[in-house]
C-alpha cells in the first residue's frame, strides 16, 4: 500500500525551492512523495498555529506557539551570518516619531528581531502594517508607509527602488549575541512519530546535498517560482540562505534559536519555551 503524500507548505523563494527540489521531484531514494503548497511566510505561520499540513516552513518566532503539535527539524531551514532583515526608508532621516512601518508578518522572525532592535535603539515606533514581503519595497517607494522591514532577495534589490538601508537587524543581533541569525524553520507534526520524523530529516539533508552537488538541476524549479526573476539575484539569495546550518543546525544553530526565543520571552514578546521544546525525536 502506497503511503499518502506528505502535505508540505513552503515559500516560492529560491532558498526553499533549491532545498526541496530533489525531494519534491522524487530524486531522493526512498523518500515519501510530497504534496507541495507554496505560501508566503505569514500564511504558513498561520497554518502552523491551526495545525494544518504535515510539514511547514515557518518563522522561528512562531515556534513557541506551535511546538506542542510540531517538532523542529534540525535541517532545511534558514540561519546564517550577514543575512538579517533590513529596515528601509526613502531617505536617511532618522526621526522615528509616529513612523508607519510595513512588516512581513507580526509573528515573523524579522519582526521579532526588529522589536528587539527597536527596544535597544529607538525611542518609539508608530503604526505597524503587515503586508506580503514582495509588496513592502513598492509601498515604501510610493510613500504608502514610512519604512519597511524586508527579507530575502530584497537585500540585493532595494537600491533599484531608490531606497536606503536605515538599519540591519542581523548586524545588531550578531553584534549583541555573537550568534548566527535564525530566520526560517522547518517543522513537522509530532504525530508522524519519531521514526518518520528522523527519516524526513535524513531526506531533507539528502535533498540539500543533491542541490549542492548539481545546482543546475534545481534551476528550472527555482526560476519558475522566484519572485525576483533575475537568475543572478536568485543565485545570491541561495548562496546567502542555504549554508551549513541548512544541512544541520548544530550547536551554534540551536544556541541561536534558544537565544532568540529566550530573550524574546524575557521581553514578554513570546511565550517561554519548555526545557525540551526544541528536542528532536
C-alpha atoms as a PDB file:
ATOM      1  CA  UNK A   1       0.000   0.000   0.000  1.00  0.00           C
ATOM      2  CA  UNK A   2       1.459   3.385  -1.013  1.00  0.00           C
ATOM      3  CA  UNK A   3       1.660   5.974   1.756  1.00  0.00           C
ATOM      4  CA  UNK A   4      -0.244   9.207   1.301  1.00  0.00           C
ATOM      5  CA  UNK A   5       1.958  12.129   0.199  1.00  0.00           C
ATOM      6  CA  UNK A   6       3.130  14.409   2.961  1.00  0.00           C
ATOM      7  CA  UNK A   7       1.297  17.725   2.905  1.00  0.00           C
ATOM      8  CA  UNK A   8       4.030  20.390   2.915  1.00  0.00           C
ATOM      9  CA  UNK A   9       3.985  24.158   2.532  1.00  0.00           C
ATOM     10  CA  UNK A  10       6.978  26.388   1.911  1.00  0.00           C
ATOM     11  CA  UNK A  11       7.658  29.675   0.194  1.00  0.00           C
ATOM     12  CA  UNK A  12       8.382  30.175  -3.518  1.00  0.00           C
ATOM     13  CA  UNK A  13      11.675  31.841  -2.558  1.00  0.00           C
ATOM     14  CA  UNK A  14      14.838  30.477  -4.193  1.00  0.00           C
ATOM     15  CA  UNK A  15      16.313  29.051  -0.997  1.00  0.00           C
ATOM     16  CA  UNK A  16      13.239  26.887  -0.320  1.00  0.00           C
ATOM     17  CA  UNK A  17      12.826  25.648  -3.891  1.00  0.00           C
ATOM     18  CA  UNK A  18      16.566  24.948  -4.069  1.00  0.00           C
ATOM     19  CA  UNK A  19      16.477  22.934  -0.833  1.00  0.00           C
ATOM     20  CA  UNK A  20      13.354  20.942  -1.667  1.00  0.00           C
ATOM     21  CA  UNK A  21      13.788  20.477  -5.429  1.00  0.00           C
ATOM     22  CA  UNK A  22      15.189  16.928  -5.316  1.00  0.00           C
ATOM     23  CA  UNK A  23      12.735  15.838  -2.621  1.00  0.00           C
ATOM     24  CA  UNK A  24       9.711  17.385  -4.352  1.00  0.00           C
ATOM     25  CA  UNK A  25      10.604  15.756  -7.659  1.00  0.00           C
ATOM     26  CA  UNK A  26      11.231  12.222  -6.428  1.00  0.00           C
ATOM     27  CA  UNK A  27      15.023  12.307  -6.718  1.00  0.00           C
ATOM     28  CA  UNK A  28      15.698  11.275  -3.108  1.00  0.00           C
ATOM     29  CA  UNK A  29      15.721   7.497  -2.943  1.00  0.00           C
ATOM     30  CA  UNK A  30      13.082   6.022  -0.631  1.00  0.00           C
ATOM     31  CA  UNK A  31      11.657   9.401   0.375  1.00  0.00           C
ATOM     32  CA  UNK A  32       7.905   9.931   0.633  1.00  0.00           C
ATOM     33  CA  UNK A  33       6.032  11.825  -2.064  1.00  0.00           C
ATOM     34  CA  UNK A  34       5.253  15.461  -1.284  1.00  0.00           C
ATOM     35  CA  UNK A  35       2.066  17.405  -1.969  1.00  0.00           C
ATOM     36  CA  UNK A  36       3.531  20.922  -2.126  1.00  0.00           C
ATOM     37  CA  UNK A  37       1.707  24.185  -1.462  1.00  0.00           C
ATOM     38  CA  UNK A  38       3.505  27.497  -1.970  1.00  0.00           C
ATOM     39  CA  UNK A  39       2.644  30.227   0.509  1.00  0.00           C
ATOM     40  CA  UNK A  40       4.034  33.430   1.984  1.00  0.00           C
ATOM     41  CA  UNK A  41       5.570  33.061   5.438  1.00  0.00           C
ATOM     42  CA  UNK A  42       2.682  34.878   7.106  1.00  0.00           C
ATOM     43  CA  UNK A  43       0.346  32.229   5.656  1.00  0.00           C
ATOM     44  CA  UNK A  44       2.482  29.268   6.718  1.00  0.00           C
ATOM     45  CA  UNK A  45       2.826  30.686  10.235  1.00  0.00           C
ATOM     46  CA  UNK A  46      -0.971  30.743  10.460  1.00  0.00           C
ATOM     47  CA  UNK A  47      -1.198  27.216   9.047  1.00  0.00           C
ATOM     48  CA  UNK A  48       1.114  26.020  11.807  1.00  0.00           C
ATOM     49  CA  UNK A  49      -0.949  27.694  14.511  1.00  0.00           C
ATOM     50  CA  UNK A  50      -4.055  25.970  13.149  1.00  0.00           C
ATOM     51  CA  UNK A  51      -2.290  22.599  12.865  1.00  0.00           C
ATOM     52  CA  UNK A  52      -2.623  22.414   9.085  1.00  0.00           C
ATOM     53  CA  UNK A  53      -0.225  20.359   6.919  1.00  0.00           C
ATOM     54  CA  UNK A  54       2.302  17.727   7.940  1.00  0.00           C
ATOM     55  CA  UNK A  55       5.424  19.794   7.241  1.00  0.00           C
ATOM     56  CA  UNK A  56       5.820  23.573   7.109  1.00  0.00           C
ATOM     57  CA  UNK A  57       8.442  26.259   6.629  1.00  0.00           C
ATOM     58  CA  UNK A  58       7.732  28.845   9.331  1.00  0.00           C
ATOM     59  CA  UNK A  59       9.343  31.726  11.168  1.00  0.00           C
ATOM     60  CA  UNK A  60      11.424  30.751  14.188  1.00  0.00           C
ATOM     61  CA  UNK A  61       9.406  33.381  16.024  1.00  0.00           C
ATOM     62  CA  UNK A  62       6.262  31.250  15.758  1.00  0.00           C
ATOM     63  CA  UNK A  63       7.824  28.175  17.417  1.00  0.00           C
ATOM     64  CA  UNK A  64       6.662  28.986  20.972  1.00  0.00           C
ATOM     65  CA  UNK A  65       3.064  28.850  19.715  1.00  0.00           C
ATOM     66  CA  UNK A  66       3.262  25.562  17.798  1.00  0.00           C
ATOM     67  CA  UNK A  67       5.817  23.222  19.388  1.00  0.00           C
ATOM     68  CA  UNK A  68       3.113  21.326  21.222  1.00  0.00           C
ATOM     69  CA  UNK A  69       1.936  19.855  17.920  1.00  0.00           C
ATOM     70  CA  UNK A  70       5.042  20.233  15.769  1.00  0.00           C
ATOM     71  CA  UNK A  71       8.700  19.284  16.168  1.00  0.00           C
ATOM     72  CA  UNK A  72      11.553  21.483  14.960  1.00  0.00           C
ATOM     73  CA  UNK A  73      13.558  19.625  12.341  1.00  0.00           C
ATOM     74  CA  UNK A  74      17.341  20.007  12.649  1.00  0.00           C
ATOM     75  CA  UNK A  75      17.769  20.859   8.972  1.00  0.00           C
ATOM     76  CA  UNK A  76      16.226  22.533   5.932  1.00  0.00           C
ATOM     77  CA  UNK A  77      15.736  25.971   7.437  1.00  0.00           C
ATOM     78  CA  UNK A  78      17.433  29.348   7.099  1.00  0.00           C
ATOM     79  CA  UNK A  79      20.055  30.611   9.521  1.00  0.00           C
ATOM     80  CA  UNK A  80      23.279  32.377   8.825  1.00  0.00           C
ATOM     81  CA  UNK A  81      25.503  35.398   9.196  1.00  0.00           C
ATOM     82  CA  UNK A  82      25.218  38.650   7.311  1.00  0.00           C
ATOM     83  CA  UNK A  83      21.708  37.720   6.202  1.00  0.00           C
ATOM     84  CA  UNK A  84      19.420  39.597   8.553  1.00  0.00           C
ATOM     85  CA  UNK A  85      16.327  41.653   7.731  1.00  0.00           C
ATOM     86  CA  UNK A  86      16.787  45.298   6.771  1.00  0.00           C
ATOM     87  CA  UNK A  87      14.811  48.415   7.651  1.00  0.00           C
ATOM     88  CA  UNK A  88      14.486  50.539   4.507  1.00  0.00           C
ATOM     89  CA  UNK A  89      13.409  54.152   4.077  1.00  0.00           C
ATOM     90  CA  UNK A  90      13.029  56.573   1.179  1.00  0.00           C
ATOM     91  CA  UNK A  91      15.529  58.934   2.774  1.00  0.00           C
ATOM     92  CA  UNK A  92      18.137  58.960   5.510  1.00  0.00           C
ATOM     93  CA  UNK A  93      16.001  60.885   8.009  1.00  0.00           C
ATOM     94  CA  UNK A  94      16.363  59.139  11.367  1.00  0.00           C
ATOM     95  CA  UNK A  95      13.321  60.728  13.005  1.00  0.00           C
ATOM     96  CA  UNK A  96      11.099  57.801  14.003  1.00  0.00           C
ATOM     97  CA  UNK A  97       8.295  59.754  15.623  1.00  0.00           C
ATOM     98  CA  UNK A  98       4.987  58.222  14.521  1.00  0.00           C
ATOM     99  CA  UNK A  99       6.618  56.292  11.676  1.00  0.00           C
ATOM    100  CA  UNK A 100       4.477  53.729   9.860  1.00  0.00           C
ATOM    101  CA  UNK A 101       6.479  50.551   9.303  1.00  0.00           C
ATOM    102  CA  UNK A 102       5.496  47.712   6.971  1.00  0.00           C
ATOM    103  CA  UNK A 103       6.478  44.224   8.185  1.00  0.00           C
ATOM    104  CA  UNK A 104       6.020  40.809   6.524  1.00  0.00           C
ATOM    105  CA  UNK A 105       4.249  39.199   9.496  1.00  0.00           C
ATOM    106  CA  UNK A 106       3.589  40.063  13.112  1.00  0.00           C
ATOM    107  CA  UNK A 107       4.937  36.636  14.063  1.00  0.00           C
ATOM    108  CA  UNK A 108       7.864  36.616  11.642  1.00  0.00           C
ATOM    109  CA  UNK A 109      11.405  36.300  12.928  1.00  0.00           C
ATOM    110  CA  UNK A 110      12.147  39.505  11.049  1.00  0.00           C
ATOM    111  CA  UNK A 111       9.590  41.390  13.136  1.00  0.00           C
ATOM    112  CA  UNK A 112      10.838  39.776  16.347  1.00  0.00           C
ATOM    113  CA  UNK A 113      14.407  40.867  15.522  1.00  0.00           C
ATOM    114  CA  UNK A 114      13.026  44.315  14.683  1.00  0.00           C
ATOM    115  CA  UNK A 115      11.284  44.578  18.055  1.00  0.00           C
ATOM    116  CA  UNK A 116      14.435  43.537  19.919  1.00  0.00           C
ATOM    117  CA  UNK A 117      16.464  46.061  17.906  1.00  0.00           C
ATOM    118  CA  UNK A 118      13.888  48.799  18.433  1.00  0.00           C
ATOM    119  CA  UNK A 119      13.824  48.164  22.182  1.00  0.00           C
ATOM    120  CA  UNK A 120      17.585  48.770  22.288  1.00  0.00           C
ATOM    121  CA  UNK A 121      17.740  51.588  19.728  1.00  0.00           C
ATOM    122  CA  UNK A 122      14.583  53.622  19.157  1.00  0.00           C
ATOM    123  CA  UNK A 123      12.552  55.894  21.419  1.00  0.00           C
ATOM    124  CA  UNK A 124       9.363  54.586  19.840  1.00  0.00           C
ATOM    125  CA  UNK A 125       7.769  53.296  16.653  1.00  0.00           C
ATOM    126  CA  UNK A 126       4.427  54.292  15.199  1.00  0.00           C
ATOM    127  CA  UNK A 127       1.947  52.088  13.381  1.00  0.00           C
ATOM    128  CA  UNK A 128       2.902  48.595  12.211  1.00  0.00           C
ATOM    129  CA  UNK A 129       1.314  47.434   8.946  1.00  0.00           C
ATOM    130  CA  UNK A 130       1.502  43.774   7.835  1.00  0.00           C
ATOM    131  CA  UNK A 131       1.790  43.113   4.101  1.00  0.00           C
ATOM    132  CA  UNK A 132       3.277  40.419   1.837  1.00  0.00           C
ATOM    133  CA  UNK A 133       7.033  40.933   1.724  1.00  0.00           C
ATOM    134  CA  UNK A 134       7.132  41.499  -2.062  1.00  0.00           C
ATOM    135  CA  UNK A 135       4.771  44.488  -1.639  1.00  0.00           C
ATOM    136  CA  UNK A 136       6.844  46.250   1.014  1.00  0.00           C
ATOM    137  CA  UNK A 137       9.503  47.978  -1.108  1.00  0.00           C
ATOM    138  CA  UNK A 138       6.984  49.420  -3.581  1.00  0.00           C
ATOM    139  CA  UNK A 139       4.926  50.679  -0.625  1.00  0.00           C
ATOM    140  CA  UNK A 140       7.960  52.466   0.857  1.00  0.00           C
ATOM    141  CA  UNK A 141       8.942  53.854  -2.546  1.00  0.00           C
ATOM    142  CA  UNK A 142       5.419  55.137  -3.207  1.00  0.00           C
ATOM    143  CA  UNK A 143       5.056  56.768   0.212  1.00  0.00           C
ATOM    144  CA  UNK A 144       2.303  54.443   1.446  1.00  0.00           C
ATOM    145  CA  UNK A 145       4.447  53.688   4.506  1.00  0.00           C
ATOM    146  CA  UNK A 146       7.434  55.466   6.020  1.00  0.00           C
ATOM    147  CA  UNK A 147       9.682  52.434   6.342  1.00  0.00           C
ATOM    148  CA  UNK A 148       9.714  48.758   5.519  1.00  0.00           C
ATOM    149  CA  UNK A 149      11.183  45.670   7.118  1.00  0.00           C
ATOM    150  CA  UNK A 150      12.402  43.451   4.265  1.00  0.00           C
ATOM    151  CA  UNK A 151      13.776  39.954   3.918  1.00  0.00           C
ATOM    152  CA  UNK A 152      15.065  37.562   1.274  1.00  0.00           C
ATOM    153  CA  UNK A 153      16.282  38.914  -2.058  1.00  0.00           C
ATOM    154  CA  UNK A 154      15.272  42.459  -1.103  1.00  0.00           C
ATOM    155  CA  UNK A 155      18.766  42.691   0.407  1.00  0.00           C
ATOM    156  CA  UNK A 156      20.109  42.723  -3.141  1.00  0.00           C
ATOM    157  CA  UNK A 157      17.481  44.788  -4.925  1.00  0.00           C
ATOM    158  CA  UNK A 158      16.356  47.628  -2.647  1.00  0.00           C
ATOM    159  CA  UNK A 159      18.581  50.149  -4.429  1.00  0.00           C
ATOM    160  CA  UNK A 160      16.530  49.528  -7.574  1.00  0.00           C
ATOM    161  CA  UNK A 161      13.596  51.129  -5.731  1.00  0.00           C
ATOM    162  CA  UNK A 162      15.612  54.188  -4.737  1.00  0.00           C
ATOM    163  CA  UNK A 163      15.568  53.133  -1.084  1.00  0.00           C
ATOM    164  CA  UNK A 164      18.143  53.457   1.683  1.00  0.00           C
ATOM    165  CA  UNK A 165      19.200  50.950   4.340  1.00  0.00           C
ATOM    166  CA  UNK A 166      18.327  52.538   7.673  1.00  0.00           C
ATOM    167  CA  UNK A 167      19.401  49.574   9.813  1.00  0.00           C
ATOM    168  CA  UNK A 168      20.380  45.900   9.566  1.00  0.00           C
ATOM    169  CA  UNK A 169      18.651  43.713  12.145  1.00  0.00           C
ATOM    170  CA  UNK A 170      21.190  40.942  11.633  1.00  0.00           C
ATOM    171  CA  UNK A 171      24.152  43.189  12.344  1.00  0.00           C
ATOM    172  CA  UNK A 172      22.539  44.209  15.622  1.00  0.00           C
ATOM    173  CA  UNK A 173      21.776  40.589  16.547  1.00  0.00           C
ATOM    174  CA  UNK A 174      25.281  39.335  15.725  1.00  0.00           C
ATOM    175  CA  UNK A 175      26.962  42.264  17.479  1.00  0.00           C
ATOM    176  CA  UNK A 176      24.965  41.811  20.688  1.00  0.00           C
ATOM    177  CA  UNK A 177      24.950  37.984  20.814  1.00  0.00           C
ATOM    178  CA  UNK A 178      27.776  36.661  18.637  1.00  0.00           C
ATOM    179  CA  UNK A 179      25.315  34.082  17.297  1.00  0.00           C
ATOM    180  CA  UNK A 180      24.095  33.371  13.760  1.00  0.00           C
ATOM    181  CA  UNK A 181      20.748  34.826  12.746  1.00  0.00           C
ATOM    182  CA  UNK A 182      17.803  32.392  12.967  1.00  0.00           C
ATOM    183  CA  UNK A 183      15.205  33.150  10.295  1.00  0.00           C
ATOM    184  CA  UNK A 184      13.089  30.266   8.959  1.00  0.00           C
ATOM    185  CA  UNK A 185      12.494  26.809  10.435  1.00  0.00           C
ATOM    186  CA  UNK A 186      11.191  23.504   9.090  1.00  0.00           C
ATOM    187  CA  UNK A 187       8.669  21.863  11.402  1.00  0.00           C
ATOM    188  CA  UNK A 188       6.763  18.587  11.135  1.00  0.00           C
ATOM    189  CA  UNK A 189       3.879  17.116  13.082  1.00  0.00           C
ATOM    190  CA  UNK A 190       4.914  15.084  16.096  1.00  0.00           C
ATOM    191  CA  UNK A 191       2.088  12.678  15.256  1.00  0.00           C
ATOM    192  CA  UNK A 192       4.221  11.379  12.352  1.00  0.00           C
ATOM    193  CA  UNK A 193       6.244   9.559  15.002  1.00  0.00           C
ATOM    194  CA  UNK A 194       9.939   9.603  15.843  1.00  0.00           C
ATOM    195  CA  UNK A 195      10.945   7.142  13.123  1.00  0.00           C
ATOM    196  CA  UNK A 196       9.246   9.023  10.272  1.00  0.00           C
ATOM    197  CA  UNK A 197      10.496  12.357  11.588  1.00  0.00           C
ATOM    198  CA  UNK A 198      14.051  11.032  11.640  1.00  0.00           C
ATOM    199  CA  UNK A 199      13.743   9.720   8.087  1.00  0.00           C
ATOM    200  CA  UNK A 200      12.252  13.017   6.954  1.00  0.00           C
ATOM    201  CA  UNK A 201      15.237  14.894   8.356  1.00  0.00           C
ATOM    202  CA  UNK A 202      17.581  12.497   6.527  1.00  0.00           C
ATOM    203  CA  UNK A 203      15.607  13.003   3.299  1.00  0.00           C
ATOM    204  CA  UNK A 204      15.802  16.794   3.584  1.00  0.00           C
ATOM    205  CA  UNK A 205      19.563  16.602   4.151  1.00  0.00           C
ATOM    206  CA  UNK A 206      19.841  14.386   1.081  1.00  0.00           C
ATOM    207  CA  UNK A 207      17.837  16.923  -0.927  1.00  0.00           C
ATOM    208  CA  UNK A 208      20.172  19.726   0.218  1.00  0.00           C
ATOM    209  CA  UNK A 209      23.242  17.703  -0.736  1.00  0.00           C
ATOM    210  CA  UNK A 210      21.735  16.873  -4.125  1.00  0.00           C
ATOM    211  CA  UNK A 211      21.147  20.581  -4.777  1.00  0.00           C
ATOM    212  CA  UNK A 212      24.717  21.423  -3.820  1.00  0.00           C
ATOM    213  CA  UNK A 213      26.118  18.589  -5.941  1.00  0.00           C
ATOM    214  CA  UNK A 214      24.176  19.635  -9.061  1.00  0.00           C
ATOM    215  CA  UNK A 215      22.902  23.222  -8.719  1.00  0.00           C
ATOM    216  CA  UNK A 216      21.730  23.361 -12.328  1.00  0.00           C
ATOM    217  CA  UNK A 217      19.241  20.553 -11.724  1.00  0.00           C
ATOM    218  CA  UNK A 218      17.220  22.799  -9.432  1.00  0.00           C
ATOM    219  CA  UNK A 219      17.361  25.925 -11.617  1.00  0.00           C
ATOM    220  CA  UNK A 220      14.084  25.350 -13.542  1.00  0.00           C
ATOM    221  CA  UNK A 221      12.169  24.853 -10.263  1.00  0.00           C
ATOM    222  CA  UNK A 222      13.848  27.839  -8.635  1.00  0.00           C
ATOM    223  CA  UNK A 223      13.236  30.204 -11.532  1.00  0.00           C
ATOM    224  CA  UNK A 224       9.656  29.013 -12.099  1.00  0.00           C
ATOM    225  CA  UNK A 225       8.666  30.205  -8.642  1.00  0.00           C
ATOM    226  CA  UNK A 226      11.100  33.041  -7.861  1.00  0.00           C
ATOM    227  CA  UNK A 227       9.555  36.405  -7.059  1.00  0.00           C
ATOM    228  CA  UNK A 228      12.751  38.018  -8.356  1.00  0.00           C
ATOM    229  CA  UNK A 229      13.335  36.515 -11.795  1.00  0.00           C
ATOM    230  CA  UNK A 230      16.917  37.718 -12.296  1.00  0.00           C
ATOM    231  CA  UNK A 231      18.967  34.483 -12.134  1.00  0.00           C
ATOM    232  CA  UNK A 232      21.939  36.322 -10.631  1.00  0.00           C
ATOM    233  CA  UNK A 233      19.784  37.551  -7.741  1.00  0.00           C
ATOM    234  CA  UNK A 234      18.353  34.064  -7.238  1.00  0.00           C
ATOM    235  CA  UNK A 235      21.907  32.702  -7.027  1.00  0.00           C
ATOM    236  CA  UNK A 236      22.859  35.372  -4.469  1.00  0.00           C
ATOM    237  CA  UNK A 237      19.761  34.508  -2.463  1.00  0.00           C
ATOM    238  CA  UNK A 238      20.607  30.799  -2.434  1.00  0.00           C
ATOM    239  CA  UNK A 239      24.256  31.461  -1.609  1.00  0.00           C
ATOM    240  CA  UNK A 240      23.300  33.542   1.419  1.00  0.00           C
ATOM    241  CA  UNK A 241      20.475  31.474   2.902  1.00  0.00           C
ATOM    242  CA  UNK A 242      21.484  27.890   2.076  1.00  0.00           C
ATOM    243  CA  UNK A 243      24.567  27.070   4.124  1.00  0.00           C
ATOM    244  CA  UNK A 244      25.940  24.658   6.711  1.00  0.00           C
ATOM    245  CA  UNK A 245      23.032  25.397   9.051  1.00  0.00           C
ATOM    246  CA  UNK A 246      20.608  24.244   6.339  1.00  0.00           C
ATOM    247  CA  UNK A 247      22.233  20.806   6.374  1.00  0.00           C
ATOM    248  CA  UNK A 248      22.343  20.691  10.171  1.00  0.00           C
ATOM    249  CA  UNK A 249      21.565  23.269  12.849  1.00  0.00           C
ATOM    250  CA  UNK A 250      24.433  22.079  15.010  1.00  0.00           C
ATOM    251  CA  UNK A 251      25.339  23.567  18.378  1.00  0.00           C
ATOM    252  CA  UNK A 252      25.591  27.154  17.103  1.00  0.00           C
ATOM    253  CA  UNK A 253      22.259  26.904  15.298  1.00  0.00           C
ATOM    254  CA  UNK A 254      20.390  25.587  18.312  1.00  0.00           C
ATOM    255  CA  UNK A 255      22.104  28.192  20.512  1.00  0.00           C
ATOM    256  CA  UNK A 256      20.884  30.918  18.149  1.00  0.00           C
ATOM    257  CA  UNK A 257      17.292  29.653  18.248  1.00  0.00           C
ATOM    258  CA  UNK A 258      17.298  29.278  22.028  1.00  0.00           C
ATOM    259  CA  UNK A 259      18.954  32.688  22.387  1.00  0.00           C
ATOM    260  CA  UNK A 260      16.381  34.447  20.228  1.00  0.00           C
ATOM    261  CA  UNK A 261      13.339  32.874  21.857  1.00  0.00           C
ATOM    262  CA  UNK A 262      14.702  33.122  25.413  1.00  0.00           C
ATOM    263  CA  UNK A 263      15.488  36.822  25.017  1.00  0.00           C
ATOM    264  CA  UNK A 264      12.136  37.473  23.337  1.00  0.00           C
ATOM    265  CA  UNK A 265      10.319  35.666  26.157  1.00  0.00           C
ATOM    266  CA  UNK A 266      12.218  37.724  28.746  1.00  0.00           C
ATOM    267  CA  UNK A 267      10.961  40.867  26.959  1.00  0.00           C
ATOM    268  CA  UNK A 268       7.403  39.489  27.017  1.00  0.00           C
ATOM    269  CA  UNK A 269       7.259  39.198  23.226  1.00  0.00           C
ATOM    270  CA  UNK A 270       6.621  35.425  23.015  1.00  0.00           C
ATOM    271  CA  UNK A 271       5.599  32.695  25.475  1.00  0.00           C
ATOM    272  CA  UNK A 272       8.514  30.943  27.218  1.00  0.00           C
ATOM    273  CA  UNK A 273       9.771  27.643  25.822  1.00  0.00           C
ATOM    274  CA  UNK A 274       9.650  24.450  27.837  1.00  0.00           C
ATOM    275  CA  UNK A 275      13.034  22.854  28.666  1.00  0.00           C
ATOM    276  CA  UNK A 276      12.759  20.168  25.965  1.00  0.00           C
ATOM    277  CA  UNK A 277      10.697  22.105  23.415  1.00  0.00           C
ATOM    278  CA  UNK A 278      13.470  22.132  20.778  1.00  0.00           C
ATOM    279  CA  UNK A 279      14.466  18.491  21.278  1.00  0.00           C
ATOM    280  CA  UNK A 280      14.219  16.397  18.122  1.00  0.00           C
ATOM    281  CA  UNK A 281      12.835  12.863  18.440  1.00  0.00           C
END
